[in-house]
Amino acid sequence: MFVIVSVATDTRAVRELAGVAIGATVLLNVLVAGPSTGESMNPVRTLGPAIATGNYEEIWIYMVAPVAGAIAGAYAYTAVKLGTDDKEESQP
């Protein structure tokens, strides 16, 4: 989400390459995290089988982690974005 928000809202980003940046991020996530964890990137993809099998033991992490990650990413993006805007305004 950090890359998607950055590409979508940053005025310095090249709009034509937004799809490449987002696609590359998803590809790297699948290639790196997929084999090591075997988990899904979409919480609903995990919720469906949990409901079908009645196994809700560890489903909370799939509901809490995306929200916590989005909040942390928003704070990080705001800190980075505000930090670069302040530096650009102070230059003559």
N, C-alpha and C. Protein backbone atom coordinates (compact mmCIF):
# COMPACT_ATOMS: atom_id res chain seq x y z
N MET A 1 0.82 -1.19 0.00
CA MET A 1 0.00 0.00 0.00
C MET A 1 0.86 1.25 0.00
N PHE A 2 2.02 1.17 0.62
CA PHE A 2 2.92 2.33 0.67
C PHE A 2 3.29 2.77 -0.73
N VAL A 3 3.63 1.83 -1.58
CA VAL A 3 4.01 2.16 -2.97
C VAL A 3 2.80 2.69 -3.73
N ILE A 4 1.65 2.11 -3.55
CA ILE A 4 0.45 2.55 -4.26
C ILE A 4 0.11 3.99 -3.88
N VAL A 5 0.11 4.29 -2.59
CA VAL A 5 -0.18 5.65 -2.15
C VAL A 5 0.88 6.62 -2.63
N SER A 6 2.13 6.21 -2.57
CA SER A 6 3.22 7.09 -3.01
C SER A 6 3.09 7.42 -4.50
N VAL A 7 2.83 6.43 -5.30
CA VAL A 7 2.73 6.64 -6.75
C VAL A 7 1.47 7.43 -7.09
N ALA A 8 0.40 7.19 -6.36
CA ALA A 8 -0.87 7.85 -6.68
C ALA A 8 -0.93 9.30 -6.23
N THR A 9 -0.24 9.66 -5.15
CA THR A 9 -0.38 11.00 -4.60
C THR A 9 0.82 11.92 -4.79
N ASP A 10 1.97 11.38 -5.07
CA ASP A 10 3.17 12.21 -5.20
C ASP A 10 3.18 12.89 -6.56
N THR A 11 3.31 14.20 -6.56
CA THR A 11 3.29 14.96 -7.82
C THR A 11 4.56 14.75 -8.64
N ARG A 12 5.63 14.28 -8.01
CA ARG A 12 6.88 14.04 -8.73
C ARG A 12 6.91 12.68 -9.41
N ALA A 13 5.98 11.80 -9.09
CA ALA A 13 5.96 10.45 -9.66
C ALA A 13 5.53 10.50 -11.13
N VAL A 14 6.10 9.63 -11.91
CA VAL A 14 5.73 9.51 -13.33
C VAL A 14 4.46 8.67 -13.40
N ARG A 15 3.36 9.28 -13.77
CA ARG A 15 2.05 8.61 -13.77
C ARG A 15 2.02 7.39 -14.70
N GLU A 16 2.73 7.47 -15.80
CA GLU A 16 2.70 6.37 -16.77
C GLU A 16 3.34 5.11 -16.23
N LEU A 17 4.22 5.23 -15.26
CA LEU A 17 4.91 4.07 -14.71
C LEU A 17 4.30 3.57 -13.40
N ALA A 18 3.14 4.09 -13.03
CA ALA A 18 2.50 3.68 -11.79
C ALA A 18 2.19 2.19 -11.80
N GLY A 19 1.68 1.69 -12.90
CA GLY A 19 1.35 0.27 -12.99
C GLY A 19 2.56 -0.63 -12.85
N VAL A 20 3.68 -0.18 -13.41
CA VAL A 20 4.92 -0.96 -13.31
C VAL A 20 5.39 -1.02 -11.86
N ALA A 21 5.35 0.12 -11.17
CA ALA A 21 5.79 0.16 -9.77
C ALA A 21 4.90 -0.70 -8.89
N ILE A 22 3.60 -0.60 -9.08
CA ILE A 22 2.67 -1.38 -8.26
C ILE A 22 2.80 -2.86 -8.59
N GLY A 23 2.86 -3.21 -9.86
CA GLY A 23 3.00 -4.61 -10.26
C GLY A 23 4.29 -5.23 -9.76
N ALA A 24 5.39 -4.47 -9.82
CA ALA A 24 6.67 -4.99 -9.33
C ALA A 24 6.63 -5.22 -7.83
N THR A 25 5.95 -4.35 -7.11
CA THR A 25 5.82 -4.52 -5.66
C THR A 25 5.03 -5.78 -5.32
N VAL A 26 3.92 -5.98 -6.01
CA VAL A 26 3.12 -7.19 -5.77
C VAL A 26 3.91 -8.44 -6.15
N LEU A 27 4.62 -8.40 -7.27
CA LEU A 27 5.43 -9.54 -7.71
C LEU A 27 6.49 -9.88 -6.66
N LEU A 28 7.20 -8.89 -6.17
CA LEU A 28 8.23 -9.15 -5.15
C LEU A 28 7.62 -9.69 -3.87
N ASN A 29 6.45 -9.19 -3.50
CA ASN A 29 5.77 -9.69 -2.31
C ASN A 29 5.41 -11.17 -2.48
N VAL A 30 4.90 -11.53 -3.65
CA VAL A 30 4.53 -12.92 -3.91
C VAL A 30 5.77 -13.82 -3.95
N LEU A 31 6.82 -13.36 -4.62
CA LEU A 31 8.03 -14.18 -4.75
C LEU A 31 8.79 -14.36 -3.44
N VAL A 32 8.82 -13.32 -2.62
CA VAL A 32 9.60 -13.38 -1.37
C VAL A 32 8.77 -13.93 -0.22
N ALA A 33 7.59 -13.39 0.01
CA ALA A 33 6.80 -13.78 1.18
C ALA A 33 5.97 -15.04 0.94
N GLY A 34 5.55 -15.27 -0.28
CA GLY A 34 4.71 -16.43 -0.56
C GLY A 34 5.32 -17.76 -0.18
N PRO A 35 6.51 -18.08 -0.69
CA PRO A 35 7.11 -19.38 -0.36
C PRO A 35 7.49 -19.53 1.11
N SER A 36 7.88 -18.43 1.75
CA SER A 36 8.33 -18.55 3.14
C SER A 36 7.18 -18.63 4.13
N THR A 37 6.03 -18.00 3.80
CA THR A 37 4.91 -18.02 4.75
C THR A 37 3.74 -18.85 4.25
N GLY A 38 3.55 -18.92 2.95
CA GLY A 38 2.42 -19.67 2.40
C GLY A 38 1.08 -19.01 2.66
N GLU A 39 1.09 -17.76 3.03
CA GLU A 39 -0.15 -17.06 3.37
C GLU A 39 -0.60 -16.17 2.22
N SER A 40 -1.80 -15.63 2.36
CA SER A 40 -2.37 -14.79 1.31
C SER A 40 -2.18 -13.31 1.62
N MET A 41 -2.22 -12.48 0.58
CA MET A 41 -2.11 -11.03 0.76
C MET A 41 -3.48 -10.41 1.02
N ASN A 42 -4.55 -11.12 0.73
CA ASN A 42 -5.90 -10.61 0.87
C ASN A 42 -6.56 -11.25 2.09
N PRO A 43 -6.97 -10.47 3.09
CA PRO A 43 -7.59 -11.06 4.29
C PRO A 43 -8.87 -11.84 3.99
N VAL A 44 -9.62 -11.41 2.99
CA VAL A 44 -10.86 -12.11 2.66
C VAL A 44 -10.56 -13.49 2.09
N ARG A 45 -9.43 -13.63 1.41
CA ARG A 45 -9.01 -14.93 0.88
C ARG A 45 -8.76 -15.92 2.01
N THR A 46 -8.34 -15.43 3.15
CA THR A 46 -8.12 -16.27 4.32
C THR A 46 -9.41 -16.48 5.10
N LEU A 47 -10.27 -15.48 5.12
CA LEU A 47 -11.52 -15.56 5.88
C LEU A 47 -12.47 -16.61 5.30
N GLY A 48 -12.53 -16.72 3.97
CA GLY A 48 -13.43 -17.69 3.34
C GLY A 48 -13.17 -19.12 3.77
N PRO A 49 -11.94 -19.63 3.62
CA PRO A 49 -11.66 -20.98 4.09
C PRO A 49 -11.84 -21.16 5.60
N ALA A 50 -11.57 -20.10 6.37
CA ALA A 50 -11.77 -20.20 7.83
C ALA A 50 -13.24 -20.40 8.15
N ILE A 51 -14.11 -19.69 7.45
CA ILE A 51 -15.55 -19.85 7.67
C ILE A 51 -16.00 -21.23 7.20
N ALA A 52 -15.51 -21.67 6.05
CA ALA A 52 -15.90 -22.97 5.50
C ALA A 52 -15.49 -24.13 6.40
N THR A 53 -14.31 -24.02 7.01
CA THR A 53 -13.82 -25.11 7.86
C THR A 53 -14.17 -24.92 9.33
N GLY A 54 -14.61 -23.72 9.69
CA GLY A 54 -14.93 -23.45 11.10
C GLY A 54 -13.69 -23.28 11.97
N ASN A 55 -12.54 -23.02 11.38
CA ASN A 55 -11.29 -22.87 12.11
C ASN A 55 -10.96 -21.38 12.21
N TYR A 56 -11.22 -20.79 13.38
CA TYR A 56 -11.00 -19.36 13.58
C TYR A 56 -9.84 -19.06 14.53
N GLU A 57 -8.98 -20.05 14.78
CA GLU A 57 -7.93 -19.90 15.79
C GLU A 57 -7.00 -18.72 15.53
N GLU A 58 -6.48 -18.58 14.34
CA GLU A 58 -5.49 -17.54 14.05
C GLU A 58 -6.00 -16.52 13.04
N ILE A 59 -7.30 -16.41 12.88
CA ILE A 59 -7.85 -15.49 11.89
C ILE A 59 -7.71 -14.04 12.31
N TRP A 60 -7.57 -13.78 13.60
CA TRP A 60 -7.48 -12.40 14.08
C TRP A 60 -6.29 -11.66 13.48
N ILE A 61 -5.19 -12.35 13.27
CA ILE A 61 -4.00 -11.67 12.73
C ILE A 61 -4.25 -11.16 11.32
N TYR A 62 -5.07 -11.87 10.55
CA TYR A 62 -5.37 -11.44 9.18
C TYR A 62 -6.34 -10.25 9.15
N MET A 63 -7.06 -10.04 10.22
CA MET A 63 -7.96 -8.90 10.30
C MET A 63 -7.28 -7.68 10.93
N VAL A 64 -6.37 -7.91 11.86
CA VAL A 64 -5.72 -6.82 12.59
C VAL A 64 -4.49 -6.30 11.85
N ALA A 65 -3.68 -7.19 11.31
CA ALA A 65 -2.40 -6.79 10.70
C ALA A 65 -2.56 -5.82 9.52
N PRO A 66 -3.51 -6.00 8.60
CA PRO A 66 -3.63 -5.03 7.51
C PRO A 66 -3.99 -3.63 8.00
N VAL A 67 -4.85 -3.55 9.00
CA VAL A 67 -5.22 -2.24 9.55
C VAL A 67 -4.03 -1.61 10.25
N ALA A 68 -3.33 -2.39 11.07
CA ALA A 68 -2.14 -1.87 11.76
C ALA A 68 -1.06 -1.46 10.76
N GLY A 69 -0.87 -2.25 9.72
CA GLY A 69 0.10 -1.91 8.69
C GLY A 69 -0.28 -0.66 7.92
N ALA A 70 -1.56 -0.48 7.65
CA ALA A 70 -2.02 0.72 6.95
C ALA A 70 -1.80 1.97 7.79
N ILE A 71 -2.07 1.86 9.08
CA ILE A 71 -1.85 2.99 9.98
C ILE A 71 -0.36 3.32 10.08
N ALA A 72 0.47 2.30 10.24
CA ALA A 72 1.92 2.52 10.32
C ALA A 72 2.46 3.09 9.01
N GLY A 73 1.97 2.58 7.88
CA GLY A 73 2.39 3.10 6.59
C GLY A 73 1.96 4.54 6.37
N ALA A 74 0.76 4.89 6.83
CA ALA A 74 0.30 6.28 6.70
C ALA A 74 1.18 7.22 7.51
N TYR A 75 1.53 6.82 8.72
CA TYR A 75 2.43 7.64 9.53
C TYR A 75 3.81 7.75 8.87
N ALA A 76 4.32 6.65 8.37
CA ALA A 76 5.65 6.67 7.72
C ALA A 76 5.62 7.54 6.47
N TYR A 77 4.58 7.40 5.66
CA TYR A 77 4.49 8.21 4.44
C TYR A 77 4.36 9.69 4.78
N THR A 78 3.55 10.01 5.79
CA THR A 78 3.40 11.40 6.20
C THR A 78 4.72 11.97 6.69
N ALA A 79 5.46 11.19 7.46
CA ALA A 79 6.75 11.66 7.96
C ALA A 79 7.73 11.89 6.82
N VAL A 80 7.78 10.97 5.88
CA VAL A 80 8.70 11.11 4.74
C VAL A 80 8.26 12.26 3.84
N LYS A 81 6.99 12.32 3.54
CA LYS A 81 6.45 13.36 2.65
C LYS A 81 6.62 14.74 3.25
N LEU A 82 6.29 14.92 4.52
CA LEU A 82 6.43 16.22 5.16
C LEU A 82 7.90 16.60 5.30
N GLY A 83 8.74 15.62 5.54
CA GLY A 83 10.18 15.88 5.64
C GLY A 83 10.76 16.39 4.34
N THR A 84 10.35 15.83 3.21
CA THR A 84 10.88 16.27 1.92
C THR A 84 10.26 17.60 1.50
N ASP A 85 9.01 17.85 1.84
CA ASP A 85 8.38 19.13 1.50
C ASP A 85 9.04 20.28 2.24
N ASP A 86 9.39 20.08 3.50
CA ASP A 86 10.05 21.13 4.28
C ASP A 86 11.40 21.47 3.69
N LYS A 87 12.15 20.47 3.25
CA LYS A 87 13.48 20.71 2.67
C LYS A 87 13.37 21.44 1.34
N GLU A 88 12.36 21.11 0.54
CA GLU A 88 12.20 21.76 -0.77
C GLU A 88 11.82 23.22 -0.61
N GLU A 89 11.00 23.56 0.38
CA GLU A 89 10.57 24.94 0.58
C GLU A 89 11.69 25.81 1.11
N SER A 90 12.63 25.26 1.87
CA SER A 90 13.69 26.05 2.47
C SER A 90 14.82 26.36 1.49
N GLN A 91 14.87 25.68 0.35
CA GLN A 91 15.93 25.94 -0.63
C GLN A 91 15.61 27.21 -1.41
N PRO A 92 16.65 28.06 -1.69
CA PRO A 92 16.40 29.31 -2.44
C PRO A 92 16.10 29.07 -3.89
